[in-house]
Amino acid sequence: MASTLTVDNIVGATTSSVINVKNHVINQTRAVEHIFTSTQTITTDSYADVNNSSHSYTPVSADSRIVLHYYGHCRNLGASSQDVFCALRPHFNGASGNAFTIQGDNLGKLGDSIWFPFYYTITQEIAAADHTTSAIAIKLQGRAGSNGQNLQFLGSNGSSSVFLDILEIGQ
């Protein structure tokens, strides 16, 4: 059985109005698309910004949820006699998102150093209470371990990348 919806007039509607349907995507953008052409190596165990991962996003609705989805690939050095360890996290409006760690026991402890390539996918939600319709400064941060490990975004032959998709979901 089919339903029919007839609307005679929508008051206050303009061509730039957003139709906010609860729990549906009201805006979507590929915000960052970067293939590294020069290598970035993070050697510190404090978080550092990942090059070319920043974006400023302005929500279309103050009561929406914003979903950040970072993904790409890079690699981690397990120095000789050390484990593989690094971490990535989103950072938005001065707040740290959830940290995602890559850790491998004994990968470098066999006597040789090992470069461990990996694909990452990180999803972070920004609740409606944590934003307005002002621009949100977004970036990806990474850190290495404290024992000689490195987090590296390799620039040769398009070996590493970072992508960011943003979904805004109506409430």
Protein backbone atom coordinates (compact mmCIF):
# COMPACT_ATOMS: atom_id res chain seq x y z
CA MET A 1 0.00 0.00 0.00
CA ALA A 2 1.44 3.40 -1.00
CA SER A 3 1.31 6.59 1.04
CA THR A 4 0.89 10.09 -0.34
CA LEU A 5 2.21 13.27 1.25
CA THR A 6 0.78 16.55 0.04
CA VAL A 7 2.24 19.86 1.19
CA ASP A 8 0.67 23.17 0.23
CA ASN A 9 3.17 25.48 1.90
CA ILE A 10 6.35 25.26 3.97
CA VAL A 11 6.67 28.39 6.09
CA GLY A 12 10.14 29.88 6.44
CA ALA A 13 11.73 27.53 3.92
CA THR A 14 14.40 28.81 1.56
CA THR A 15 16.60 27.09 -0.95
CA SER A 16 19.37 27.01 1.69
CA SER A 17 17.21 25.49 4.44
CA VAL A 18 18.28 22.18 5.94
CA ILE A 19 15.66 19.52 6.30
CA ASN A 20 16.55 17.95 9.64
CA VAL A 21 15.29 14.38 9.82
CA LYS A 22 16.02 12.65 13.11
CA ASN A 23 18.89 10.13 12.89
CA HIS A 24 19.55 10.81 9.21
CA VAL A 25 22.60 12.35 7.55
CA ILE A 26 21.97 16.04 6.94
CA ASN A 27 25.45 16.87 5.64
CA GLN A 28 28.37 14.81 4.41
CA THR A 29 31.81 15.81 3.19
CA ARG A 30 35.17 14.30 2.28
CA ALA A 31 37.15 16.84 4.26
CA VAL A 32 40.71 15.54 3.90
CA GLU A 33 42.24 13.44 1.15
CA HIS A 34 46.03 13.39 1.40
CA ILE A 35 48.61 11.01 -0.03
CA PHE A 36 52.01 11.76 1.53
CA THR A 37 54.72 12.87 -0.92
CA SER A 38 57.29 13.59 1.79
CA THR A 39 57.83 11.42 4.85
CA GLN A 40 56.67 12.49 8.33
CA THR A 41 58.25 10.58 11.21
CA ILE A 42 56.89 11.02 14.73
CA THR A 43 59.46 9.93 17.32
CA THR A 44 58.03 11.53 20.46
CA ASP A 45 55.82 9.80 23.01
CA SER A 46 53.76 13.01 23.20
CA TYR A 47 51.02 13.58 20.62
CA ALA A 48 52.03 15.54 17.51
CA ASP A 49 49.85 16.74 14.64
CA VAL A 50 49.77 14.54 11.53
CA ASN A 51 50.65 16.68 8.51
CA ASN A 52 47.79 17.67 6.20
CA SER A 53 45.10 16.11 8.43
CA SER A 54 43.49 19.38 9.57
CA HIS A 55 40.08 20.66 8.57
CA SER A 56 37.63 23.32 9.75
CA TYR A 57 34.02 22.11 9.66
CA THR A 58 30.97 24.32 10.28
CA PRO A 59 27.90 22.34 11.39
CA VAL A 60 24.62 23.14 9.67
CA SER A 61 22.63 22.42 12.84
CA ALA A 62 23.41 23.15 16.50
CA ASP A 63 21.59 20.02 17.71
CA SER A 64 23.21 17.46 15.41
CA ARG A 65 25.79 14.77 16.06
CA ILE A 66 29.03 15.03 14.09
CA VAL A 67 30.80 11.79 13.17
CA LEU A 68 34.47 12.01 12.20
CA HIS A 69 35.91 9.08 10.28
CA TYR A 70 39.69 9.14 9.78
CA TYR A 71 41.30 6.34 7.81
CA GLY A 72 44.47 5.62 5.88
CA HIS A 73 47.71 3.76 6.21
CA CYS A 74 51.15 4.29 7.73
CA ARG A 75 53.77 2.22 9.55
CA ASN A 76 55.37 1.76 12.96
CA LEU A 77 58.98 0.93 13.84
CA GLY A 78 59.65 -1.71 16.45
CA ALA A 79 63.28 -0.95 17.23
CA SER A 80 65.66 -3.83 17.95
CA SER A 81 64.77 -5.41 21.31
CA GLN A 82 61.52 -3.38 21.54
CA ASP A 83 57.83 -3.96 20.97
CA VAL A 84 55.86 -2.16 18.26
CA PHE A 85 53.82 0.69 19.77
CA CYS A 86 52.14 3.87 18.50
CA ALA A 87 48.81 5.66 18.89
CA LEU A 88 46.52 7.87 16.81
CA ARG A 89 43.66 10.11 17.95
CA PRO A 90 41.34 12.77 16.57
CA HIS A 91 41.54 16.22 18.14
CA PHE A 92 38.70 18.74 17.82
CA ASN A 93 38.13 22.22 19.28
CA GLY A 94 41.05 21.76 21.68
CA ALA A 95 39.77 18.44 23.04
CA SER A 96 41.44 15.06 22.61
CA GLY A 97 39.34 12.30 21.11
CA ASN A 98 39.62 8.62 21.89
CA ALA A 99 43.14 7.23 21.44
CA PHE A 100 43.58 4.13 19.29
CA THR A 101 46.79 2.18 19.88
CA ILE A 102 48.74 -0.22 17.74
CA GLN A 103 50.83 -2.58 19.83
CA GLY A 104 52.67 -5.78 18.99
CA ASP A 105 54.48 -7.87 21.54
CA ASN A 106 57.95 -9.17 20.63
CA LEU A 107 57.88 -7.98 17.01
CA GLY A 108 61.19 -6.13 17.43
CA LYS A 109 62.52 -8.33 20.19
CA LEU A 110 63.79 -11.00 17.83
CA GLY A 111 66.97 -8.98 17.39
CA ASP A 112 66.16 -6.98 14.27
CA SER A 113 64.18 -3.79 13.87
CA ILE A 114 60.84 -4.23 12.12
CA TRP A 115 58.69 -1.79 10.18
CA PHE A 116 55.08 -2.82 10.78
CA PRO A 117 52.71 -1.39 8.13
CA PHE A 118 49.08 -0.97 9.11
CA TYR A 119 45.75 0.41 7.96
CA TYR A 120 43.87 2.53 10.48
CA THR A 121 40.24 3.51 10.73
CA ILE A 122 39.13 5.79 13.56
CA THR A 123 35.58 6.94 14.21
CA GLN A 124 34.82 9.68 16.73
CA GLU A 125 31.47 11.26 17.56
CA ILE A 126 31.05 14.87 18.62
CA ALA A 127 27.80 15.13 20.57
CA ALA A 128 25.37 17.99 20.03
CA ALA A 129 26.20 19.34 23.49
CA ASP A 130 29.86 19.75 22.41
CA HIS A 131 29.32 22.07 19.41
CA THR A 132 27.28 24.96 18.04
CA THR A 133 27.08 26.17 14.45
CA SER A 134 30.54 27.72 14.80
CA ALA A 135 33.49 26.17 12.96
CA ILE A 136 35.10 23.10 14.57
CA ALA A 137 38.88 22.78 14.18
CA ILE A 138 39.65 19.10 13.53
CA LYS A 139 42.98 17.28 13.14
CA LEU A 140 44.60 13.88 13.57
CA GLN A 141 47.43 13.40 16.06
CA GLY A 142 49.90 10.56 16.53
CA ARG A 143 52.56 9.47 18.96
CA ALA A 144 55.30 6.87 19.15
CA GLY A 145 56.36 4.81 22.12
CA SER A 146 59.10 5.92 24.50
CA ASN A 147 61.59 3.16 23.62
CA GLY A 148 62.78 4.06 20.13
CA GLN A 149 59.56 3.27 18.29
CA ASN A 150 58.55 5.56 15.42
CA LEU A 151 55.20 6.32 13.81
CA GLN A 152 55.83 7.09 10.16
CA PHE A 153 53.78 8.37 7.25
CA LEU A 154 55.97 7.33 4.34
CA GLY A 155 56.10 9.68 1.37
CA SER A 156 57.71 7.54 -1.30
CA ASN A 157 55.45 5.97 -3.91
CA GLY A 158 52.25 7.08 -2.14
CA SER A 159 52.91 4.63 0.67
CA SER A 160 50.93 6.51 3.35
CA SER A 161 47.68 8.41 3.40
CA VAL A 162 45.15 10.16 5.59
CA PHE A 163 41.47 10.66 4.74
CA LEU A 164 38.69 12.31 6.75
CA ASP A 165 34.98 11.92 6.07
CA ILE A 166 32.53 13.94 8.14
CA LEU A 167 28.88 13.01 8.61
CA GLU A 168 26.43 15.32 10.35
CA ILE A 169 23.40 13.49 11.72
CA GLY A 170 20.15 15.27 12.62
CA GLN A 171 18.61 14.84 16.06
